[in-house]
PDB file of all heavy atoms in Angstrom:
ATOM      1  N   SER A   1     -38.032 -43.210  23.047  1.00  0.00           N
ATOM      2  CA  SER A   1     -37.587 -41.935  23.685  1.00  0.00           C
ATOM      3  C   SER A   1     -37.565 -42.119  25.236  1.00  0.00           C
ATOM      4  O   SER A   1     -36.680 -41.633  25.937  1.00  0.00           O
ATOM      5  CB  SER A   1     -38.572 -40.824  23.409  1.00  0.00           C
ATOM      6  OG  SER A   1     -39.916 -41.077  23.783  1.00  0.00           O
ATOM      7  N   MET A   2     -38.518 -42.907  25.851  1.00  0.00           N
ATOM      8  CA  MET A   2     -38.519 -43.182  27.252  1.00  0.00           C
ATOM      9  C   MET A   2     -37.266 -44.023  27.631  1.00  0.00           C
ATOM     10  O   MET A   2     -36.614 -43.874  28.639  1.00  0.00           O
ATOM     11  CB  MET A   2     -39.771 -43.956  27.652  1.00  0.00           C
ATOM     12  CG  MET A   2     -40.930 -42.933  27.771  1.00  0.00           C
ATOM     13  SD  MET A   2     -42.364 -43.696  28.664  1.00  0.00           S
ATOM     14  CE  MET A   2     -41.601 -43.973  30.272  1.00  0.00           C
ATOM     15  N   ALA A   3     -36.922 -44.979  26.776  1.00  0.00           N
ATOM     16  CA  ALA A   3     -35.778 -45.877  27.099  1.00  0.00           C
ATOM     17  C   ALA A   3     -34.481 -45.033  27.045  1.00  0.00           C
ATOM     18  O   ALA A   3     -33.612 -45.206  27.890  1.00  0.00           O
ATOM     19  CB  ALA A   3     -35.705 -46.970  26.040  1.00  0.00           C
ATOM     20  N   VAL A   4     -34.369 -44.194  26.035  1.00  0.00           N
ATOM     21  CA  VAL A   4     -33.144 -43.327  25.919  1.00  0.00           C
ATOM     22  C   VAL A   4     -33.103 -42.411  27.143  1.00  0.00           C
ATOM     23  O   VAL A   4     -31.986 -42.243  27.712  1.00  0.00           O
ATOM     24  CB  VAL A   4     -33.150 -42.507  24.587  1.00  0.00           C
ATOM     25  CG1 VAL A   4     -31.999 -41.542  24.588  1.00  0.00           C
ATOM     26  CG2 VAL A   4     -33.047 -43.494  23.399  1.00  0.00           C
ATOM     27  N   PHE A   5     -34.217 -41.810  27.492  1.00  0.00           N
ATOM     28  CA  PHE A   5     -34.257 -40.882  28.636  1.00  0.00           C
ATOM     29  C   PHE A   5     -33.773 -41.613  29.963  1.00  0.00           C
ATOM     30  O   PHE A   5     -32.989 -41.129  30.707  1.00  0.00           O
ATOM     31  CB  PHE A   5     -35.672 -40.353  28.849  1.00  0.00           C
ATOM     32  CG  PHE A   5     -35.921 -39.877  30.251  1.00  0.00           C
ATOM     33  CD1 PHE A   5     -35.455 -38.711  30.696  1.00  0.00           C
ATOM     34  CD2 PHE A   5     -36.789 -40.656  31.046  1.00  0.00           C
ATOM     35  CE1 PHE A   5     -35.787 -38.328  31.979  1.00  0.00           C
ATOM     36  CE2 PHE A   5     -37.101 -40.331  32.360  1.00  0.00           C
ATOM     37  CZ  PHE A   5     -36.583 -39.070  32.853  1.00  0.00           C
ATOM     38  N   THR A   6     -34.354 -42.844  30.145  1.00  0.00           N
ATOM     39  CA  THR A   6     -34.032 -43.552  31.332  1.00  0.00           C
ATOM     40  C   THR A   6     -32.485 -44.000  31.403  1.00  0.00           C
ATOM     41  O   THR A   6     -31.873 -43.815  32.449  1.00  0.00           O
ATOM     42  CB  THR A   6     -34.825 -44.904  31.396  1.00  0.00           C
ATOM     43  OG1 THR A   6     -36.260 -44.532  31.399  1.00  0.00           O
ATOM     44  CG2 THR A   6     -34.552 -45.663  32.721  1.00  0.00           C
ATOM     45  N   LEU A   7     -31.917 -44.415  30.275  1.00  0.00           N
ATOM     46  CA  LEU A   7     -30.579 -44.766  30.212  1.00  0.00           C
ATOM     47  C   LEU A   7     -29.648 -43.591  30.490  1.00  0.00           C
ATOM     48  O   LEU A   7     -28.655 -43.630  31.213  1.00  0.00           O
ATOM     49  CB  LEU A   7     -30.227 -45.398  28.896  1.00  0.00           C
ATOM     50  CG  LEU A   7     -30.870 -46.787  28.602  1.00  0.00           C
ATOM     51  CD1 LEU A   7     -30.578 -47.196  27.182  1.00  0.00           C
ATOM     52  CD2 LEU A   7     -30.255 -47.802  29.540  1.00  0.00           C
ATOM     53  N   ILE A   8     -30.011 -42.401  29.903  1.00  0.00           N
ATOM     54  CA  ILE A   8     -29.177 -41.181  30.034  1.00  0.00           C
ATOM     55  C   ILE A   8     -29.143 -40.768  31.579  1.00  0.00           C
ATOM     56  O   ILE A   8     -28.112 -40.515  32.148  1.00  0.00           O
ATOM     57  CB  ILE A   8     -29.644 -40.049  29.168  1.00  0.00           C
ATOM     58  CG1 ILE A   8     -29.373 -40.404  27.686  1.00  0.00           C
ATOM     59  CG2 ILE A   8     -28.996 -38.745  29.538  1.00  0.00           C
ATOM     60  CD1 ILE A   8     -29.899 -39.379  26.755  1.00  0.00           C
ATOM     61  N   VAL A   9     -30.330 -40.676  32.137  1.00  0.00           N
ATOM     62  CA  VAL A   9     -30.421 -40.155  33.520  1.00  0.00           C
ATOM     63  C   VAL A   9     -29.860 -41.173  34.472  1.00  0.00           C
ATOM     64  O   VAL A   9     -29.114 -40.737  35.429  1.00  0.00           O
ATOM     65  CB  VAL A   9     -31.893 -39.806  33.861  1.00  0.00           C
ATOM     66  CG1 VAL A   9     -32.047 -39.357  35.351  1.00  0.00           C
ATOM     67  CG2 VAL A   9     -32.443 -38.709  32.963  1.00  0.00           C
ATOM     68  N   LEU A  10     -30.190 -42.413  34.422  1.00  0.00           N
ATOM     69  CA  LEU A  10     -29.770 -43.398  35.456  1.00  0.00           C
ATOM     70  C   LEU A  10     -28.316 -43.913  35.257  1.00  0.00           C
ATOM     71  O   LEU A  10     -27.758 -44.436  36.170  1.00  0.00           O
ATOM     72  CB  LEU A  10     -30.778 -44.582  35.503  1.00  0.00           C
ATOM     73  CG  LEU A  10     -32.155 -44.243  35.955  1.00  0.00           C
ATOM     74  CD1 LEU A  10     -33.041 -45.470  36.085  1.00  0.00           C
ATOM     75  CD2 LEU A  10     -32.214 -43.414  37.229  1.00  0.00           C
ATOM     76  N   LEU A  11     -27.798 -43.795  34.029  1.00  0.00           N
ATOM     77  CA  LEU A  11     -26.459 -44.306  33.771  1.00  0.00           C
ATOM     78  C   LEU A  11     -25.448 -43.207  33.546  1.00  0.00           C
ATOM     79  O   LEU A  11     -24.354 -43.262  34.067  1.00  0.00           O
ATOM     80  CB  LEU A  11     -26.475 -45.284  32.576  1.00  0.00           C
ATOM     81  CG  LEU A  11     -27.320 -46.546  32.761  1.00  0.00           C
ATOM     82  CD1 LEU A  11     -27.179 -47.429  31.433  1.00  0.00           C
ATOM     83  CD2 LEU A  11     -26.857 -47.350  33.960  1.00  0.00           C
ATOM     84  N   VAL A  12     -25.796 -42.241  32.797  1.00  0.00           N
ATOM     85  CA  VAL A  12     -24.778 -41.214  32.396  1.00  0.00           C
ATOM     86  C   VAL A  12     -24.700 -40.130  33.437  1.00  0.00           C
ATOM     87  O   VAL A  12     -23.618 -39.677  33.871  1.00  0.00           O
ATOM     88  CB  VAL A  12     -25.223 -40.521  31.051  1.00  0.00           C
ATOM     89  CG1 VAL A  12     -24.217 -39.370  30.724  1.00  0.00           C
ATOM     90  CG2 VAL A  12     -25.207 -41.509  29.940  1.00  0.00           C
ATOM     91  N   PHE A  13     -25.857 -39.718  34.101  1.00  0.00           N
ATOM     92  CA  PHE A  13     -25.863 -38.687  35.143  1.00  0.00           C
ATOM     93  C   PHE A  13     -24.931 -39.091  36.315  1.00  0.00           C
ATOM     94  O   PHE A  13     -24.149 -38.241  36.809  1.00  0.00           O
ATOM     95  CB  PHE A  13     -27.311 -38.418  35.658  1.00  0.00           C
ATOM     96  CG  PHE A  13     -28.028 -37.392  34.838  1.00  0.00           C
ATOM     97  CD1 PHE A  13     -27.714 -37.236  33.404  1.00  0.00           C
ATOM     98  CD2 PHE A  13     -28.954 -36.570  35.379  1.00  0.00           C
ATOM     99  CE1 PHE A  13     -28.386 -36.300  32.704  1.00  0.00           C
ATOM    100  CE2 PHE A  13     -29.571 -35.616  34.598  1.00  0.00           C
ATOM    101  CZ  PHE A  13     -29.287 -35.437  33.333  1.00  0.00           C
ATOM    102  N   PRO A  14     -24.985 -40.347  36.820  1.00  0.00           N
ATOM    103  CA  PRO A  14     -24.089 -40.647  37.938  1.00  0.00           C
ATOM    104  C   PRO A  14     -22.610 -40.589  37.588  1.00  0.00           C
ATOM    105  O   PRO A  14     -21.782 -40.193  38.476  1.00  0.00           O
ATOM    106  CB  PRO A  14     -24.497 -42.119  38.236  1.00  0.00           C
ATOM    107  CG  PRO A  14     -25.942 -42.195  37.800  1.00  0.00           C
ATOM    108  CD  PRO A  14     -25.954 -41.363  36.541  1.00  0.00           C
ATOM    109  N   ILE A  15     -22.262 -40.944  36.365  1.00  0.00           N
ATOM    110  CA  ILE A  15     -20.907 -40.817  35.943  1.00  0.00           C
ATOM    111  C   ILE A  15     -20.413 -39.378  35.938  1.00  0.00           C
ATOM    112  O   ILE A  15     -19.360 -39.130  36.429  1.00  0.00           O
ATOM    113  CB  ILE A  15     -20.677 -41.463  34.497  1.00  0.00           C
ATOM    114  CG1 ILE A  15     -20.955 -42.976  34.555  1.00  0.00           C
ATOM    115  CG2 ILE A  15     -19.272 -41.222  33.992  1.00  0.00           C
ATOM    116  CD1 ILE A  15     -21.020 -43.598  33.211  1.00  0.00           C
ATOM    117  N   ILE A  16     -21.220 -38.520  35.417  1.00  0.00           N
ATOM    118  CA  ILE A  16     -20.891 -37.073  35.358  1.00  0.00           C
ATOM    119  C   ILE A  16     -20.786 -36.534  36.818  1.00  0.00           C
ATOM    120  O   ILE A  16     -19.840 -35.779  37.149  1.00  0.00           O
ATOM    121  CB  ILE A  16     -21.989 -36.288  34.540  1.00  0.00           C
ATOM    122  CG1 ILE A  16     -21.972 -36.772  33.111  1.00  0.00           C
ATOM    123  CG2 ILE A  16     -21.717 -34.841  34.658  1.00  0.00           C
ATOM    124  CD1 ILE A  16     -23.143 -36.168  32.270  1.00  0.00           C
ATOM    125  N   ALA A  17     -21.794 -36.892  37.575  1.00  0.00           N
ATOM    126  CA  ALA A  17     -21.836 -36.355  38.945  1.00  0.00           C
ATOM    127  C   ALA A  17     -20.668 -36.837  39.802  1.00  0.00           C
ATOM    128  O   ALA A  17     -20.006 -36.126  40.586  1.00  0.00           O
ATOM    129  CB  ALA A  17     -23.192 -36.745  39.652  1.00  0.00           C
ATOM    130  N   ARG A  18     -20.275 -38.114  39.690  1.00  0.00           N
ATOM    131  CA  ARG A  18     -19.138 -38.639  40.411  1.00  0.00           C
ATOM    132  C   ARG A  18     -17.903 -37.983  40.003  1.00  0.00           C
ATOM    133  O   ARG A  18     -17.097 -37.607  40.815  1.00  0.00           O
ATOM    134  CB  ARG A  18     -19.010 -40.184  40.187  1.00  0.00           C
ATOM    135  CG  ARG A  18     -17.912 -40.824  41.037  1.00  0.00           C
ATOM    136  CD  ARG A  18     -17.982 -42.340  41.001  1.00  0.00           C
ATOM    137  NE  ARG A  18     -19.033 -42.825  41.887  1.00  0.00           N
ATOM    138  CZ  ARG A  18     -20.141 -43.365  41.510  1.00  0.00           C
ATOM    139  NH1 ARG A  18     -20.444 -43.451  40.198  1.00  0.00           N
ATOM    140  NH2 ARG A  18     -21.046 -43.775  42.369  1.00  0.00           N
ATOM    141  N   TRP A  19     -17.642 -37.731  38.763  1.00  0.00           N
ATOM    142  CA  TRP A  19     -16.477 -37.014  38.290  1.00  0.00           C
ATOM    143  C   TRP A  19     -16.498 -35.544  38.871  1.00  0.00           C
ATOM    144  O   TRP A  19     -15.469 -35.033  39.319  1.00  0.00           O
ATOM    145  CB  TRP A  19     -16.460 -36.908  36.723  1.00  0.00           C
ATOM    146  CG  TRP A  19     -15.315 -36.082  36.208  1.00  0.00           C
ATOM    147  CD1 TRP A  19     -14.067 -36.452  35.919  1.00  0.00           C
ATOM    148  CD2 TRP A  19     -15.413 -34.609  35.951  1.00  0.00           C
ATOM    149  NE1 TRP A  19     -13.309 -35.329  35.507  1.00  0.00           N
ATOM    150  CE2 TRP A  19     -14.098 -34.206  35.504  1.00  0.00           C
ATOM    151  CE3 TRP A  19     -16.344 -33.683  36.005  1.00  0.00           C
ATOM    152  CZ2 TRP A  19     -13.809 -32.902  35.168  1.00  0.00           C
ATOM    153  CZ3 TRP A  19     -16.136 -32.393  35.685  1.00  0.00           C
ATOM    154  CH2 TRP A  19     -14.822 -31.991  35.204  1.00  0.00           C
ATOM    155  N   PHE A  20     -17.673 -34.852  38.862  1.00  0.00           N
ATOM    156  CA  PHE A  20     -17.707 -33.534  39.385  1.00  0.00           C
ATOM    157  C   PHE A  20     -17.466 -33.495  40.860  1.00  0.00           C
ATOM    158  O   PHE A  20     -16.582 -32.643  41.243  1.00  0.00           O
ATOM    159  CB  PHE A  20     -19.127 -32.976  39.093  1.00  0.00           C
ATOM    160  CG  PHE A  20     -19.354 -31.540  39.413  1.00  0.00           C
ATOM    161  CD1 PHE A  20     -19.082 -30.540  38.416  1.00  0.00           C
ATOM    162  CD2 PHE A  20     -19.747 -31.154  40.679  1.00  0.00           C
ATOM    163  CE1 PHE A  20     -19.214 -29.256  38.743  1.00  0.00           C
ATOM    164  CE2 PHE A  20     -19.822 -29.784  40.959  1.00  0.00           C
ATOM    165  CZ  PHE A  20     -19.655 -28.786  40.019  1.00  0.00           C
ATOM    166  N   PHE A  21     -18.061 -34.340  41.651  1.00  0.00           N
ATOM    167  CA  PHE A  21     -17.768 -34.293  43.101  1.00  0.00           C
ATOM    168  C   PHE A  21     -16.343 -34.675  43.424  1.00  0.00           C
ATOM    169  O   PHE A  21     -15.824 -34.141  44.524  1.00  0.00           O
ATOM    170  CB  PHE A  21     -18.788 -35.231  43.843  1.00  0.00           C
ATOM    171  CG  PHE A  21     -20.181 -34.688  43.791  1.00  0.00           C
ATOM    172  CD1 PHE A  21     -21.244 -35.648  43.529  1.00  0.00           C
ATOM    173  CD2 PHE A  21     -20.473 -33.375  43.894  1.00  0.00           C
ATOM    174  CE1 PHE A  21     -22.579 -35.188  43.510  1.00  0.00           C
ATOM    175  CE2 PHE A  21     -21.859 -32.919  43.861  1.00  0.00           C
ATOM    176  CZ  PHE A  21     -22.880 -33.851  43.684  1.00  0.00           C
ATOM    177  N   LYS A  22     -15.691 -35.464  42.623  1.00  0.00           N
ATOM    178  CA  LYS A  22     -14.260 -35.816  42.911  1.00  0.00           C
ATOM    179  C   LYS A  22     -13.357 -34.668  42.583  1.00  0.00           C
ATOM    180  O   LYS A  22     -12.327 -34.544  43.153  1.00  0.00           O
ATOM    181  CB  LYS A  22     -13.891 -37.046  42.068  1.00  0.00           C
ATOM    182  CG  LYS A  22     -14.478 -38.343  42.572  1.00  0.00           C
ATOM    183  CD  LYS A  22     -14.309 -39.512  41.617  1.00  0.00           C
ATOM    184  CE  LYS A  22     -12.868 -39.926  41.589  1.00  0.00           C
ATOM    185  NZ  LYS A  22     -12.739 -41.199  40.741  1.00  0.00           N
ATOM    186  N   ASN A  23     -13.746 -33.788  41.661  1.00  0.00           N
ATOM    187  CA  ASN A  23     -12.870 -32.758  41.131  1.00  0.00           C
ATOM    188  C   ASN A  23     -13.190 -31.301  41.566  1.00  0.00           C
ATOM    189  O   ASN A  23     -12.339 -30.416  41.487  1.00  0.00           O
ATOM    190  CB  ASN A  23     -12.836 -32.831  39.567  1.00  0.00           C
ATOM    191  CG  ASN A  23     -12.045 -34.063  39.073  1.00  0.00           C
ATOM    192  OD1 ASN A  23     -10.876 -34.144  39.046  1.00  0.00           O
ATOM    193  ND2 ASN A  23     -12.860 -35.025  38.712  1.00  0.00           N
ATOM    194  N   VAL A  24     -14.420 -31.136  42.065  1.00  0.00           N
ATOM    195  CA  VAL A  24     -14.831 -29.814  42.478  1.00  0.00           C
ATOM    196  C   VAL A  24     -15.202 -29.801  43.961  1.00  0.00           C
ATOM    197  O   VAL A  24     -16.187 -30.510  44.303  1.00  0.00           O
ATOM    198  CB  VAL A  24     -16.047 -29.243  41.689  1.00  0.00           C
ATOM    199  CG1 VAL A  24     -16.444 -27.901  42.100  1.00  0.00           C
ATOM    200  CG2 VAL A  24     -15.633 -29.213  40.132  1.00  0.00           C
ATOM    201  N   GLU A  25     -14.509 -29.087  44.793  1.00  0.00           N
ATOM    202  CA  GLU A  25     -14.720 -29.095  46.234  1.00  0.00           C
ATOM    203  C   GLU A  25     -15.558 -27.892  46.708  1.00  0.00           C
ATOM    204  O   GLU A  25     -16.034 -27.899  47.811  1.00  0.00           O
ATOM    205  CB  GLU A  25     -13.357 -29.087  46.985  1.00  0.00           C
ATOM    206  CG  GLU A  25     -12.554 -30.378  46.729  1.00  0.00           C
ATOM    207  CD  GLU A  25     -11.250 -30.350  47.521  1.00  0.00           C
ATOM    208  OE1 GLU A  25     -11.003 -29.316  48.268  1.00  0.00           O
ATOM    209  OE2 GLU A  25     -10.509 -31.329  47.455  1.00  0.00           O
ATOM    210  N   ASP A  26     -15.741 -26.937  45.813  1.00  0.00           N
ATOM    211  CA  ASP A  26     -16.500 -25.762  46.253  1.00  0.00           C
ATOM    212  C   ASP A  26     -17.948 -26.112  46.492  1.00  0.00           C
ATOM    213  O   ASP A  26     -18.638 -26.630  45.641  1.00  0.00           O
ATOM    214  CB  ASP A  26     -16.392 -24.649  45.171  1.00  0.00           C
ATOM    215  CG  ASP A  26     -17.185 -23.415  45.520  1.00  0.00           C
ATOM    216  OD1 ASP A  26     -16.788 -22.696  46.462  1.00  0.00           O
ATOM    217  OD2 ASP A  26     -18.195 -23.080  44.898  1.00  0.00           O
ATOM    218  N   LYS A  27     -18.429 -25.778  47.718  1.00  0.00           N
ATOM    219  CA  LYS A  27     -19.794 -26.210  48.114  1.00  0.00           C
ATOM    220  C   LYS A  27     -20.887 -25.494  47.349  1.00  0.00           C
ATOM    221  O   LYS A  27     -21.938 -26.128  46.973  1.00  0.00           O
ATOM    222  CB  LYS A  27     -19.965 -25.925  49.616  1.00  0.00           C
ATOM    223  CG  LYS A  27     -18.943 -26.587  50.531  1.00  0.00           C
ATOM    224  CD  LYS A  27     -18.789 -28.109  50.274  1.00  0.00           C
ATOM    225  CE  LYS A  27     -17.743 -28.716  51.168  1.00  0.00           C
ATOM    226  NZ  LYS A  27     -17.599 -30.174  50.832  1.00  0.00           N
ATOM    227  N   ILE A  28     -20.706 -24.241  46.984  1.00  0.00           N
ATOM    228  CA  ILE A  28     -21.689 -23.571  46.203  1.00  0.00           C
ATOM    229  C   ILE A  28     -21.848 -24.135  44.788  1.00  0.00           C
ATOM    230  O   ILE A  28     -22.924 -24.354  44.276  1.00  0.00           O
ATOM    231  CB  ILE A  28     -21.397 -22.045  46.162  1.00  0.00           C
ATOM    232  CG1 ILE A  28     -21.474 -21.476  47.580  1.00  0.00           C
ATOM    233  CG2 ILE A  28     -22.322 -21.283  45.236  1.00  0.00           C
ATOM    234  CD1 ILE A  28     -21.057 -20.000  47.635  1.00  0.00           C
ATOM    235  N   SER A  29     -20.690 -24.443  44.222  1.00  0.00           N
ATOM    236  CA  SER A  29     -20.639 -25.057  42.843  1.00  0.00           C
ATOM    237  C   SER A  29     -21.379 -26.358  42.872  1.00  0.00           C
ATOM    238  O   SER A  29     -22.085 -26.745  41.978  1.00  0.00           O
ATOM    239  CB  SER A  29     -19.238 -25.150  42.352  1.00  0.00           C
ATOM    240  OG  SER A  29     -18.672 -23.940  42.243  1.00  0.00           O
ATOM    241  N   GLN A  30     -21.112 -27.169  43.985  1.00  0.00           N
ATOM    242  CA  GLN A  30     -21.761 -28.497  44.100  1.00  0.00           C
ATOM    243  C   GLN A  30     -23.274 -28.348  44.140  1.00  0.00           C
ATOM    244  O   GLN A  30     -24.022 -29.099  43.483  1.00  0.00           O
ATOM    245  CB  GLN A  30     -21.240 -29.228  45.309  1.00  0.00           C
ATOM    246  CG  GLN A  30     -19.821 -29.647  45.217  1.00  0.00           C
ATOM    247  CD  GLN A  30     -19.402 -30.458  46.414  1.00  0.00           C
ATOM    248  OE1 GLN A  30     -20.073 -30.469  47.416  1.00  0.00           O
ATOM    249  NE2 GLN A  30     -18.163 -31.072  46.326  1.00  0.00           N
ATOM    250  N   TYR A  31     -23.751 -27.334  44.887  1.00  0.00           N
ATOM    251  CA  TYR A  31     -25.268 -27.133  44.946  1.00  0.00           C
ATOM    252  C   TYR A  31     -25.834 -26.671  43.652  1.00  0.00           C
ATOM    253  O   TYR A  31     -26.875 -27.233  43.245  1.00  0.00           O
ATOM    254  CB  TYR A  31     -25.596 -26.132  46.023  1.00  0.00           C
ATOM    255  CG  TYR A  31     -27.108 -25.885  46.187  1.00  0.00           C
ATOM    256  CD1 TYR A  31     -27.898 -26.803  46.728  1.00  0.00           C
ATOM    257  CD2 TYR A  31     -27.692 -24.823  45.513  1.00  0.00           C
ATOM    258  CE1 TYR A  31     -29.300 -26.662  46.832  1.00  0.00           C
ATOM    259  CE2 TYR A  31     -29.111 -24.653  45.556  1.00  0.00           C
ATOM    260  CZ  TYR A  31     -29.802 -25.583  46.226  1.00  0.00           C
ATOM    261  OH  TYR A  31     -31.224 -25.463  46.212  1.00  0.00           O
ATOM    262  N   ILE A  32     -25.096 -25.723  42.965  1.00  0.00           N
ATOM    263  CA  ILE A  32     -25.616 -25.336  41.626  1.00  0.00           C
ATOM    264  C   ILE A  32     -25.607 -26.502  40.638  1.00  0.00           C
ATOM    265  O   ILE A  32     -26.601 -26.660  39.841  1.00  0.00           O
ATOM    266  CB  ILE A  32     -24.672 -24.150  41.108  1.00  0.00           C
ATOM    267  CG1 ILE A  32     -24.844 -22.940  42.035  1.00  0.00           C
ATOM    268  CG2 ILE A  32     -25.026 -23.914  39.670  1.00  0.00           C
ATOM    269  CD1 ILE A  32     -23.906 -21.826  41.650  1.00  0.00           C
ATOM    270  N   PHE A  33     -24.610 -27.394  40.771  1.00  0.00           N
ATOM    271  CA  PHE A  33     -24.579 -28.573  39.934  1.00  0.00           C
ATOM    272  C   PHE A  33     -25.847 -29.479  40.119  1.00  0.00           C
ATOM    273  O   PHE A  33     -26.409 -29.961  39.195  1.00  0.00           O
ATOM    274  CB  PHE A  33     -23.291 -29.402  40.196  1.00  0.00           C
ATOM    275  CG  PHE A  33     -23.240 -30.690  39.475  1.00  0.00           C
ATOM    276  CD1 PHE A  33     -22.851 -30.749  38.176  1.00  0.00           C
ATOM    277  CD2 PHE A  33     -23.586 -31.891  40.200  1.00  0.00           C
ATOM    278  CE1 PHE A  33     -22.722 -31.948  37.509  1.00  0.00           C
ATOM    279  CE2 PHE A  33     -23.510 -33.048  39.514  1.00  0.00           C
ATOM    280  CZ  PHE A  33     -23.103 -33.120  38.163  1.00  0.00           C
ATOM    281  N   VAL A  34     -26.241 -29.620  41.362  1.00  0.00           N
ATOM    282  CA  VAL A  34     -27.412 -30.400  41.704  1.00  0.00           C
ATOM    283  C   VAL A  34     -28.673 -29.782  41.065  1.00  0.00           C
ATOM    284  O   VAL A  34     -29.491 -30.462  40.425  1.00  0.00           O
ATOM    285  CB  VAL A  34     -27.602 -30.535  43.237  1.00  0.00           C
ATOM    286  CG1 VAL A  34     -29.000 -31.156  43.537  1.00  0.00           C
ATOM    287  CG2 VAL A  34     -26.420 -31.362  43.875  1.00  0.00           C
ATOM    288  N   ILE A  35     -28.844 -28.448  41.159  1.00  0.00           N
ATOM    289  CA  ILE A  35     -29.935 -27.826  40.544  1.00  0.00           C
ATOM    290  C   ILE A  35     -29.932 -28.061  39.004  1.00  0.00           C
ATOM    291  O   ILE A  35     -30.957 -28.264  38.422  1.00  0.00           O
ATOM    292  CB  ILE A  35     -30.000 -26.319  40.896  1.00  0.00           C
ATOM    293  CG1 ILE A  35     -30.116 -26.079  42.445  1.00  0.00           C
ATOM    294  CG2 ILE A  35     -31.023 -25.574  40.078  1.00  0.00           C
ATOM    295  CD1 ILE A  35     -31.398 -26.503  42.942  1.00  0.00           C
ATOM    296  N   VAL A  36     -28.804 -27.889  38.380  1.00  0.00           N
ATOM    297  CA  VAL A  36     -28.701 -28.103  36.968  1.00  0.00           C
ATOM    298  C   VAL A  36     -29.130 -29.522  36.625  1.00  0.00           C
ATOM    299  O   VAL A  36     -29.776 -29.741  35.576  1.00  0.00           O
ATOM    300  CB  VAL A  36     -27.205 -27.805  36.472  1.00  0.00           C
ATOM    301  CG1 VAL A  36     -27.008 -28.244  34.989  1.00  0.00           C
ATOM    302  CG2 VAL A  36     -26.933 -26.359  36.651  1.00  0.00           C
ATOM    303  N   MET A  37     -28.700 -30.534  37.407  1.00  0.00           N
ATOM    304  CA  MET A  37     -29.031 -31.889  37.124  1.00  0.00           C
ATOM    305  C   MET A  37     -30.642 -32.105  37.218  1.00  0.00           C
ATOM    306  O   MET A  37     -31.198 -32.823  36.329  1.00  0.00           O
ATOM    307  CB  MET A  37     -28.458 -32.879  38.119  1.00  0.00           C
ATOM    308  CG  MET A  37     -26.872 -33.026  37.946  1.00  0.00           C
ATOM    309  SD  MET A  37     -26.458 -33.995  36.497  1.00  0.00           S
ATOM    310  CE  MET A  37     -26.009 -32.628  35.431  1.00  0.00           C
ATOM    311  N   ILE A  38     -31.218 -31.372  38.121  1.00  0.00           N
ATOM    312  CA  ILE A  38     -32.733 -31.458  38.223  1.00  0.00           C
ATOM    313  C   ILE A  38     -33.357 -30.972  36.927  1.00  0.00           C
ATOM    314  O   ILE A  38     -34.283 -31.572  36.379  1.00  0.00           O
ATOM    315  CB  ILE A  38     -33.228 -30.703  39.465  1.00  0.00           C
ATOM    316  CG1 ILE A  38     -32.674 -31.340  40.741  1.00  0.00           C
ATOM    317  CG2 ILE A  38     -34.757 -30.685  39.489  1.00  0.00           C
ATOM    318  CD1 ILE A  38     -33.024 -30.478  41.974  1.00  0.00           C
ATOM    319  N   TYR A  39     -32.901 -29.775  36.573  1.00  0.00           N
ATOM    320  CA  TYR A  39     -33.511 -29.146  35.325  1.00  0.00           C
ATOM    321  C   TYR A  39     -33.221 -29.955  34.080  1.00  0.00           C
ATOM    322  O   TYR A  39     -34.052 -30.048  33.211  1.00  0.00           O
ATOM    323  CB  TYR A  39     -32.912 -27.718  35.172  1.00  0.00           C
ATOM    324  CG  TYR A  39     -33.709 -26.653  36.010  1.00  0.00           C
ATOM    325  CD1 TYR A  39     -33.062 -25.872  36.891  1.00  0.00           C
ATOM    326  CD2 TYR A  39     -35.070 -26.456  35.823  1.00  0.00           C
ATOM    327  CE1 TYR A  39     -33.719 -24.902  37.695  1.00  0.00           C
ATOM    328  CE2 TYR A  39     -35.751 -25.539  36.603  1.00  0.00           C
ATOM    329  CZ  TYR A  39     -35.101 -24.805  37.444  1.00  0.00           C
ATOM    330  OH  TYR A  39     -35.767 -23.855  38.292  1.00  0.00           O
ATOM    331  N   MET A  40     -31.981 -30.517  33.986  1.00  0.00           N
ATOM    332  CA  MET A  40     -31.595 -31.234  32.796  1.00  0.00           C
ATOM    333  C   MET A  40     -32.494 -32.486  32.708  1.00  0.00           C
ATOM    334  O   MET A  40     -32.887 -32.833  31.604  1.00  0.00           O
ATOM    335  CB  MET A  40     -30.131 -31.627  32.893  1.00  0.00           C
ATOM    336  CG  MET A  40     -29.169 -30.533  32.525  1.00  0.00           C
ATOM    337  SD  MET A  40     -29.293 -29.979  30.804  1.00  0.00           S
ATOM    338  CE  MET A  40     -28.675 -31.509  29.957  1.00  0.00           C
ATOM    339  N   ALA A  41     -32.648 -33.196  33.852  1.00  0.00           N
ATOM    340  CA  ALA A  41     -33.503 -34.395  33.825  1.00  0.00           C
ATOM    341  C   ALA A  41     -34.945 -34.046  33.432  1.00  0.00           C
ATOM    342  O   ALA A  41     -35.613 -34.777  32.722  1.00  0.00           O
ATOM    343  CB  ALA A  41     -33.441 -35.052  35.168  1.00  0.00           C
TER     344      ALA A  41
END
């Protein structure tokens, strides 16, 4: 479970975040996205 958790957060999260920041320019949405990433992790 720790290995799966580490792989998801350190490998999958950056891919999702990079796509989001490239496609969403709204600053409020970007901040909310960061908060969601904290809670998800």
